[in-house]
Each structure stands twice: as C-alpha cells, then as structure tokens.
Amino acid sequence: MLVMGEVRTGLLQNSGEIPESLCQSVLGLLSGERVRVSRRPIVYAVSPDQLTGVDCRLASASQARVRGVGTVLSRASVTGGRVLQGSSHIQVVRSESDHRLSWSHYLARPGVVEVFGKIRVPDLSEGFAESARNDCLDLGSVSERFMDAVQASPFLDRKAPFRSARTRLRWVAESGPTGSGGAESGPTGSGGAESGPTGSGGAESGRAGGGARTPEGTGIRFTLGRDQVRTLRLVLPGGFSPGIVDFCEDLALHDWLLTTLLVIVEKARVGTASRAEVTAKLAPAVDHLLHLWMPAARLDDAFAPFWETLERRPGFSRQWHSLVERVRDQVAINTLALLRETGGW
C-alpha cells in the first residue's frame, strides 16, 4: 500500500460562524450530490468527493522519471462553521498495462493513480514528502483549488474577523512489515513521532522520543517545516482505509488551530502592550477558536494510538491548554482592572 495526500487548512472567509444549513450550501460543489453533515460533538460538513484526472510525473527521491495516470480524490470540509479544509489523496498502484488506457478505465477507479513499471515505494514516498518540484503531481494545488471555490461562495461575506495563514500537511501512508502489500516500510516503533517547535515560524524539526505505544507493525513521524508546511509519515498494516484520510485531516485541523492561536498570542504583546490592547488582540481567539479543540473526536478507534503518540510527543493538547489558560488569565486580569477603575470591585 502506498497512499499520498495533502491537506490545506485555513479560516473560512466569513465574519462569523456559519450555521449548518449554510455549510451545506457553500459545500454543494456538485449539483445533485449530498453534503454530509454530522452534529456531534461539533458540527462538521464535508462536500461530495471530487475527481481530477491526472497524467503526469510523480516525484521520486532518486529523480527517476515516474509517470502516473489516474484520478485524484478530493473533498472540502467545514468544521464548527469556522475552519475550512481542502483535502486530496491518491493510492499509487502498478499498472497492469504497459501503456495508457482509456479514461473510462481510470474513472472507474476513483482516487487511484497507476504507475508504469516497477513501484519503488520508499523512493516515491520520500520523493513526495520532500519534493518541491513544479513539474510533478501537486496534490496541494488541487486541494487549494477546492478551498478557493468554497471561499468564493456568494453565501460568504468574505470579512474574516482576523488574519491567519493556511497550513499545509503533506502525508504518506505505506504498509508495514506485516502489511499485505509487502512494501518496504518507513520509520516504525513505539515513539516515532518527530517534531520541531510548534511555533508560527515553522522552524526545522528535531526528533522527539518517548510517546505512547502504537500497534505492532505501525509507526508515525510528524515534522514541522518552514512556510507552514508539515509532513506526516505513517506506517500501517494491511491495505487502504478511509480512516487514514480522516486522521490526516483531523491532525491538520488541530495543527492549524494550535499554530493560529500561537500567532494570536504572539501578536497580543502580552506584558508589553496595555491590558485593553492585549485583550482586544486575544478576543478573536475566544470568539472563534477555543471551542473547536476536539482531537480524535470523530476518528475510528484504530487511529487513537497515533493521536496518543502525538499527545505525548510533541504534546499538542498540552501546548494548547497552556495557551488557552494564558488567554483566559489575560482576559480575567483585564476584567478585574476595569472593575477597579469603575468602582465595581
């Protein structure tokens, strides 16, 4: 098994949270197709799957010319009426033919890209995760296109309450030693999470040890790069499961929330600006972000160990709750100061 994808995450360009009914309208990208919505534990709406035909070069670490033909499977989603994601992925398989077939053949296999010749899994997975080439398949651009289509919806007022950057999570999943695909695996083990500082600057990553134990034959490595780019390497037993895509999107969502909250706190200039100025800068976080933190709430139980690993190292929720406490402390201090000034204390 070799599955590759990229998730782009950003703030929905609207002045406020949009209701469930509006989520369905802005995500109705295909006429006649139903937008799926779940209401617990938070409103989550996802568009119908979209297909994009591709016939292009795939990135490889060895710079070999690898041609892939097939379809990219994409979707857009809105979480909490506030956060927008565009997600695209492909399964890479060896073509049974030595030449390109008719498009009807590829359309019958949504989300599958066929490669001519022998597939070297480590070469392709490493090439995709690290590639910056413009002449190879760019799943991020496909995801971005669907995000832009949603942002252009006439149902949105395009008046975002604060400025934020989009993040990019590029991910690769392959079979471990016990997988049926027999592919050579990537990094495995009980604590294979790799991360750098989760600051807005996107510093170079370093290895973090420890971590919760993941099932035998599995592994995870998460890396923060520059320019809001993250990479995720997964090693899993068996074949492809839709839960892989759900996990990657959930990780991308919470990484964006954490990154965005970090930036808001930094720009608030706590300890330098006046109490009123700090509180005003922190207000968007209170109004639009703090209630959205629910890691793994919608995931298959099989992926819980991966989140547990990330919670141990680098510690997503630990850092999030620390920031939330800081935001609330600043708001509380400013409230007390105002009460003293007005004589209400």
Protein backbone atom coordinates (compact mmCIF):
# COMPACT_ATOMS: atom_id res chain seq x y z
CA MET A 1 0.00 0.00 0.00
CA LEU A 2 1.18 3.49 -0.84
CA VAL A 3 -1.22 6.39 -0.28
CA MET A 4 -0.22 10.05 -0.57
CA GLY A 5 -2.18 13.18 0.15
CA GLU A 6 -2.12 16.84 1.12
CA VAL A 7 -4.48 18.82 3.34
CA ARG A 8 -4.74 22.61 3.25
CA THR A 9 -6.40 24.27 6.26
CA GLY A 10 -7.50 27.86 6.79
CA LEU A 11 -10.07 30.22 8.22
CA LEU A 12 -13.41 30.39 6.43
CA GLN A 13 -13.69 33.89 5.00
CA ASN A 14 -16.80 35.00 6.83
CA SER A 15 -17.33 37.48 9.65
CA GLY A 16 -18.90 34.86 11.89
CA GLU A 17 -19.53 31.17 12.28
CA ILE A 18 -21.88 29.88 9.62
CA PRO A 19 -24.82 27.59 10.57
CA GLU A 20 -25.25 24.01 9.43
CA SER A 21 -27.66 24.94 6.64
CA LEU A 22 -25.16 27.41 5.18
CA CYS A 23 -22.38 24.82 5.41
CA GLN A 24 -24.39 22.62 3.11
CA SER A 25 -24.86 25.48 0.65
CA VAL A 26 -21.21 26.54 0.43
CA LEU A 27 -20.01 22.93 0.11
CA GLY A 28 -22.54 21.92 -2.55
CA LEU A 29 -19.87 21.80 -5.23
CA LEU A 30 -21.61 19.11 -7.29
CA SER A 31 -25.20 19.61 -8.37
CA GLY A 32 -27.38 16.75 -7.19
CA GLU A 33 -24.81 15.40 -4.73
CA ARG A 34 -25.49 15.49 -1.00
CA VAL A 35 -23.27 17.28 1.52
CA ARG A 36 -22.73 15.03 4.54
CA VAL A 37 -23.16 16.63 7.97
CA SER A 38 -22.51 15.36 11.48
CA ARG A 39 -23.63 17.36 14.51
CA ARG A 40 -21.86 15.66 17.44
CA PRO A 41 -19.58 16.51 19.12
CA ILE A 42 -19.22 19.51 16.79
CA VAL A 43 -20.86 20.45 13.50
CA TYR A 44 -18.81 19.02 10.65
CA ALA A 45 -19.83 19.22 6.99
CA VAL A 46 -17.99 17.60 4.08
CA SER A 47 -18.55 18.04 0.36
CA PRO A 48 -19.17 15.24 -2.14
CA ASP A 49 -15.97 13.63 -3.41
CA GLN A 50 -14.43 15.31 -6.43
CA LEU A 51 -12.34 13.63 -9.13
CA THR A 52 -9.47 15.26 -11.01
CA GLY A 53 -7.87 13.36 -13.88
CA VAL A 54 -4.06 13.41 -13.97
CA ASP A 55 -1.38 12.17 -16.37
CA CYS A 56 1.92 13.49 -15.10
CA ARG A 57 5.22 12.80 -13.42
CA LEU A 58 5.37 11.67 -9.80
CA ALA A 59 8.12 12.98 -7.54
CA SER A 60 10.81 10.47 -6.56
CA ALA A 61 13.80 10.79 -4.27
CA SER A 62 16.09 9.34 -6.93
CA GLN A 63 14.85 11.85 -9.55
CA ALA A 64 13.70 8.93 -11.71
CA ARG A 65 11.04 9.72 -14.29
CA VAL A 66 7.90 8.04 -12.97
CA ARG A 67 4.70 8.53 -14.93
CA GLY A 68 1.34 8.20 -13.21
CA VAL A 69 -2.13 8.18 -14.76
CA GLY A 70 -5.41 8.14 -12.88
CA THR A 71 -7.64 10.30 -10.70
CA VAL A 72 -7.14 12.40 -7.58
CA LEU A 73 -9.88 12.13 -4.95
CA SER A 74 -10.63 15.46 -3.24
CA ARG A 75 -13.11 16.99 -0.86
CA ALA A 76 -13.68 20.19 1.10
CA SER A 77 -14.97 20.38 4.66
CA VAL A 78 -16.03 22.94 7.24
CA THR A 79 -15.62 22.33 10.98
CA GLY A 80 -17.60 24.29 13.53
CA GLY A 81 -18.79 26.65 10.80
CA ARG A 82 -15.40 28.32 11.08
CA VAL A 83 -12.45 26.27 9.70
CA LEU A 84 -12.20 25.25 6.04
CA GLN A 85 -10.13 22.36 4.71
CA GLY A 86 -9.29 21.10 1.23
CA SER A 87 -8.03 17.52 1.09
CA SER A 88 -6.73 15.42 -1.81
CA HIS A 89 -5.17 11.97 -1.93
CA ILE A 90 -4.23 9.13 -4.27
CA GLN A 91 -3.45 5.44 -3.97
CA VAL A 92 -0.42 4.51 -6.06
CA VAL A 93 -0.55 1.09 -7.74
CA ARG A 94 1.35 -0.63 -10.51
CA SER A 95 -0.42 -0.58 -13.87
CA GLU A 96 -1.30 -3.94 -15.35
CA SER A 97 -0.76 -2.45 -18.80
CA ASP A 98 2.41 -1.08 -20.38
CA HIS A 99 0.54 1.82 -22.00
CA ARG A 100 -2.11 4.35 -21.08
CA LEU A 101 -5.70 3.09 -21.23
CA SER A 102 -8.94 4.98 -21.92
CA TRP A 103 -10.17 7.43 -19.30
CA SER A 104 -13.18 5.22 -18.56
CA HIS A 105 -10.76 2.73 -17.02
CA TYR A 106 -9.29 5.31 -14.63
CA LEU A 107 -12.62 6.93 -13.79
CA ALA A 108 -13.85 3.54 -12.64
CA ARG A 109 -11.06 3.55 -10.02
CA PRO A 110 -11.53 6.85 -8.15
CA GLY A 111 -8.50 8.05 -6.23
CA VAL A 112 -6.14 5.54 -7.86
CA VAL A 113 -3.08 6.54 -9.89
CA GLU A 114 -1.41 3.78 -11.90
CA VAL A 115 2.34 3.79 -12.44
CA PHE A 116 4.00 2.08 -15.37
CA GLY A 117 6.81 -0.29 -14.45
CA LYS A 118 8.02 -1.37 -11.02
CA ILE A 119 6.95 0.67 -7.99
CA ARG A 120 9.74 1.54 -5.56
CA VAL A 121 7.71 2.53 -2.53
CA PRO A 122 10.48 4.19 -0.44
CA ASP A 123 11.64 6.18 -3.49
CA LEU A 124 8.14 7.52 -4.24
CA SER A 125 7.12 8.16 -0.63
CA GLU A 126 10.32 10.05 0.17
CA GLY A 127 10.11 11.97 -3.09
CA PHE A 128 6.54 13.08 -2.46
CA ALA A 129 7.13 14.04 1.19
CA GLU A 130 10.19 16.15 0.46
CA SER A 131 9.63 17.33 -3.13
CA ALA A 132 9.40 20.98 -4.09
CA ARG A 133 9.38 20.31 -7.84
CA ASN A 134 6.90 22.18 -10.00
CA ASP A 135 6.83 19.58 -12.78
CA CYS A 136 5.40 16.76 -10.63
CA LEU A 137 1.93 15.97 -9.33
CA ASP A 138 0.96 18.69 -6.83
CA LEU A 139 -1.88 17.46 -4.63
CA GLY A 140 -1.73 20.65 -2.58
CA SER A 141 -2.71 22.77 -5.56
CA VAL A 142 -5.71 20.51 -6.17
CA SER A 143 -6.78 20.91 -2.52
CA GLU A 144 -6.23 24.66 -2.74
CA ARG A 145 -8.45 24.89 -5.82
CA PHE A 146 -11.43 23.41 -3.99
CA MET A 147 -10.82 25.65 -0.98
CA ASP A 148 -10.82 28.69 -3.26
CA ALA A 149 -14.08 27.53 -4.83
CA VAL A 150 -15.71 27.42 -1.39
CA GLN A 151 -14.27 30.79 -0.34
CA ALA A 152 -15.76 32.34 -3.48
CA SER A 153 -19.27 31.25 -2.47
CA PRO A 154 -21.84 34.08 -2.61
CA PHE A 155 -23.12 32.86 0.77
CA LEU A 156 -19.96 34.15 2.48
CA ASP A 157 -19.34 37.83 3.22
CA ARG A 158 -15.52 37.38 2.95
CA LYS A 159 -14.96 39.54 6.03
CA ALA A 160 -12.74 37.38 8.23
CA PRO A 161 -12.54 38.55 11.89
CA PHE A 162 -8.73 38.19 11.92
CA ARG A 163 -5.87 37.41 9.58
CA SER A 164 -4.42 33.90 9.51
CA ALA A 165 -2.24 31.80 7.22
CA ARG A 166 -3.17 28.50 5.64
CA THR A 167 -1.19 25.45 6.71
CA ARG A 168 -0.15 22.53 4.51
CA LEU A 169 0.02 18.94 5.73
CA ARG A 170 1.64 16.58 3.22
CA TRP A 171 1.22 12.94 4.23
CA VAL A 172 2.31 9.48 3.11
CA ALA A 173 0.96 6.14 4.36
CA GLU A 174 2.52 2.80 3.47
CA SER A 175 2.30 -0.81 4.58
CA GLY A 176 4.43 -2.02 7.46
CA PRO A 177 6.28 -5.34 7.63
CA THR A 178 3.08 -7.18 8.50
CA GLY A 179 1.03 -5.48 5.76
CA SER A 180 -0.40 -7.46 2.88
CA GLY A 181 1.27 -5.18 0.38
CA GLY A 182 4.75 -6.33 1.35
CA ALA A 183 6.13 -2.82 0.79
CA GLU A 184 9.30 -1.69 2.43
CA SER A 185 8.30 0.31 5.46
CA GLY A 186 9.32 3.69 6.74
CA PRO A 187 10.18 4.57 10.35
CA THR A 188 8.33 2.43 12.86
CA GLY A 189 8.24 1.92 16.59
CA SER A 190 6.52 2.96 19.76
CA GLY A 191 7.61 6.57 19.82
CA GLY A 192 8.36 7.52 16.27
CA ALA A 193 6.82 10.97 16.45
CA GLU A 194 9.19 13.54 15.08
CA SER A 195 8.52 17.21 15.57
CA GLY A 196 10.02 20.61 15.82
CA PRO A 197 8.85 23.60 17.80
CA THR A 198 5.17 24.23 17.12
CA GLY A 199 5.66 27.94 16.68
CA SER A 200 4.40 30.07 13.86
CA GLY A 201 7.84 30.34 12.35
CA GLY A 202 7.93 26.72 11.27
CA ALA A 203 11.48 26.03 12.44
CA GLU A 204 13.44 22.99 11.38
CA SER A 205 12.36 19.83 13.12
CA GLY A 206 14.15 17.67 15.62
CA ARG A 207 13.44 14.16 16.87
CA ALA A 208 11.23 13.65 19.90
CA GLY A 209 11.44 10.33 21.68
CA GLY A 210 9.07 8.60 24.08
CA GLY A 211 5.43 8.56 23.03
CA ALA A 212 2.54 6.15 23.53
CA ARG A 213 2.92 2.67 22.17
CA THR A 214 1.37 2.14 18.74
CA PRO A 215 0.29 -1.31 17.50
CA GLU A 216 2.96 -3.67 16.23
CA GLY A 217 3.96 -3.02 12.63
CA THR A 218 2.91 0.66 12.73
CA GLY A 219 4.74 3.97 13.08
CA ILE A 220 4.27 7.71 12.82
CA ARG A 221 6.59 10.63 12.14
CA PHE A 222 5.34 14.23 12.16
CA THR A 223 7.62 17.07 11.11
CA LEU A 224 7.19 20.84 11.14
CA GLY A 225 8.89 22.59 8.26
CA ARG A 226 9.17 26.14 7.03
CA ASP A 227 6.45 28.22 5.37
CA GLN A 228 3.58 26.49 7.21
CA VAL A 229 4.48 23.09 5.67
CA ARG A 230 4.14 19.92 7.72
CA THR A 231 4.89 16.34 6.73
CA LEU A 232 3.42 13.16 8.17
CA ARG A 233 4.72 9.65 7.54
CA LEU A 234 2.52 6.72 8.58
CA VAL A 235 3.31 3.00 8.53
CA LEU A 236 0.22 0.79 8.80
CA PRO A 237 -0.56 -2.91 8.46
CA GLY A 238 -2.92 -4.03 5.72
CA GLY A 239 -4.44 -2.07 2.87
CA PHE A 240 -6.04 1.34 2.47
CA SER A 241 -8.75 2.51 4.87
CA PRO A 242 -10.74 5.78 4.62
CA GLY A 243 -9.82 6.28 8.27
CA ILE A 244 -6.32 7.24 7.14
CA VAL A 245 -7.68 10.32 5.37
CA ASP A 246 -9.88 11.22 8.35
CA PHE A 247 -6.89 11.02 10.69
CA CYS A 248 -4.71 13.23 8.50
CA GLU A 249 -7.44 15.84 8.15
CA ASP A 250 -8.05 15.82 11.91
CA LEU A 251 -4.34 16.29 12.59
CA ALA A 252 -4.17 19.12 10.04
CA LEU A 253 -7.17 20.82 11.66
CA HIS A 254 -5.70 20.78 15.15
CA ASP A 255 -2.24 21.74 13.97
CA TRP A 256 -3.81 24.81 12.29
CA LEU A 257 -5.74 25.69 15.45
CA LEU A 258 -2.60 25.47 17.57
CA THR A 259 -0.48 27.40 15.06
CA THR A 260 -3.11 30.14 14.70
CA LEU A 261 -3.56 30.53 18.46
CA LEU A 262 0.20 30.82 18.88
CA VAL A 263 0.31 33.65 16.35
CA ILE A 264 -2.59 35.49 18.03
CA VAL A 265 -0.92 35.27 21.43
CA GLU A 266 2.41 36.47 20.00
CA LYS A 267 0.78 39.45 18.30
CA ALA A 268 -1.07 40.40 21.51
CA ARG A 269 2.30 41.51 23.02
CA VAL A 270 1.44 40.29 26.50
CA GLY A 271 3.49 42.19 29.07
CA THR A 272 4.28 45.00 26.65
CA ALA A 273 1.00 46.42 25.39
CA SER A 274 -1.72 47.81 27.65
CA ARG A 275 -4.25 45.43 29.23
CA ALA A 276 -7.01 46.74 26.98
CA GLU A 277 -4.89 46.30 23.84
CA VAL A 278 -3.90 42.75 24.83
CA THR A 279 -7.50 41.75 25.50
CA ALA A 280 -8.65 43.22 22.19
CA LYS A 281 -5.99 41.21 20.33
CA LEU A 282 -6.96 38.00 22.14
CA ALA A 283 -10.72 38.43 21.66
CA PRO A 284 -10.85 36.65 18.24
CA ALA A 285 -9.33 33.53 19.79
CA VAL A 286 -12.04 33.49 22.46
CA ASP A 287 -14.82 34.15 19.97
CA HIS A 288 -13.79 31.84 17.14
CA LEU A 289 -11.18 29.22 18.13
CA LEU A 290 -11.13 27.98 21.71
CA HIS A 291 -14.26 25.84 21.47
CA LEU A 292 -13.04 23.93 18.39
CA TRP A 293 -10.33 21.83 20.07
CA MET A 294 -11.55 18.20 20.00
CA PRO A 295 -8.74 15.93 18.78
CA ALA A 296 -9.74 12.44 17.59
CA ALA A 297 -13.41 13.11 18.37
CA ARG A 298 -14.61 11.78 15.00
CA LEU A 299 -11.93 9.16 14.31
CA ASP A 300 -12.02 5.40 14.10
CA ASP A 301 -10.69 3.81 17.30
CA ALA A 302 -7.91 2.16 15.29
CA PHE A 303 -6.22 5.56 14.94
CA ALA A 304 -6.44 6.52 18.63
CA PRO A 305 -2.89 5.22 19.37
CA PHE A 306 -1.46 7.60 16.77
CA TRP A 307 -3.08 10.59 18.47
CA GLU A 308 -1.85 9.30 21.84
CA THR A 309 1.69 9.28 20.43
CA LEU A 310 1.37 12.88 19.24
CA GLU A 311 -0.13 13.92 22.57
CA ARG A 312 2.95 12.56 24.35
CA ARG A 313 5.48 13.97 21.88
CA PRO A 314 5.26 16.78 20.84
CA GLY A 315 2.22 17.28 23.08
CA PHE A 316 -0.48 19.04 21.06
CA SER A 317 -3.13 19.30 23.77
CA ARG A 318 -0.59 20.16 26.48
CA GLN A 319 0.59 23.17 24.49
CA TRP A 320 -2.97 24.11 23.51
CA HIS A 321 -4.28 24.09 27.09
CA SER A 322 -1.28 26.12 28.25
CA LEU A 323 -2.07 28.79 25.65
CA VAL A 324 -5.78 28.73 26.49
CA GLU A 325 -5.00 29.29 30.18
CA ARG A 326 -2.79 32.22 29.26
CA VAL A 327 -5.52 33.79 27.11
CA ARG A 328 -8.14 33.39 29.83
CA ASP A 329 -5.80 34.73 32.53
CA GLN A 330 -5.19 37.88 30.48
CA VAL A 331 -8.93 38.40 29.95
CA ALA A 332 -9.59 37.86 33.66
CA ILE A 333 -6.85 40.30 34.72
CA ASN A 334 -8.20 42.96 32.37
CA THR A 335 -11.73 42.43 33.70
CA LEU A 336 -10.53 42.88 37.28
CA ALA A 337 -8.65 46.05 36.31
CA LEU A 338 -11.78 47.50 34.70
CA LEU A 339 -13.86 46.69 37.79
CA ARG A 340 -11.37 48.50 39.99
CA GLU A 341 -11.37 51.54 37.71
CA THR A 342 -15.17 51.75 37.62
CA GLY A 343 -15.60 51.09 41.30
CA GLY A 344 -17.43 47.84 40.73
CA TRP A 345 -14.94 45.86 42.83
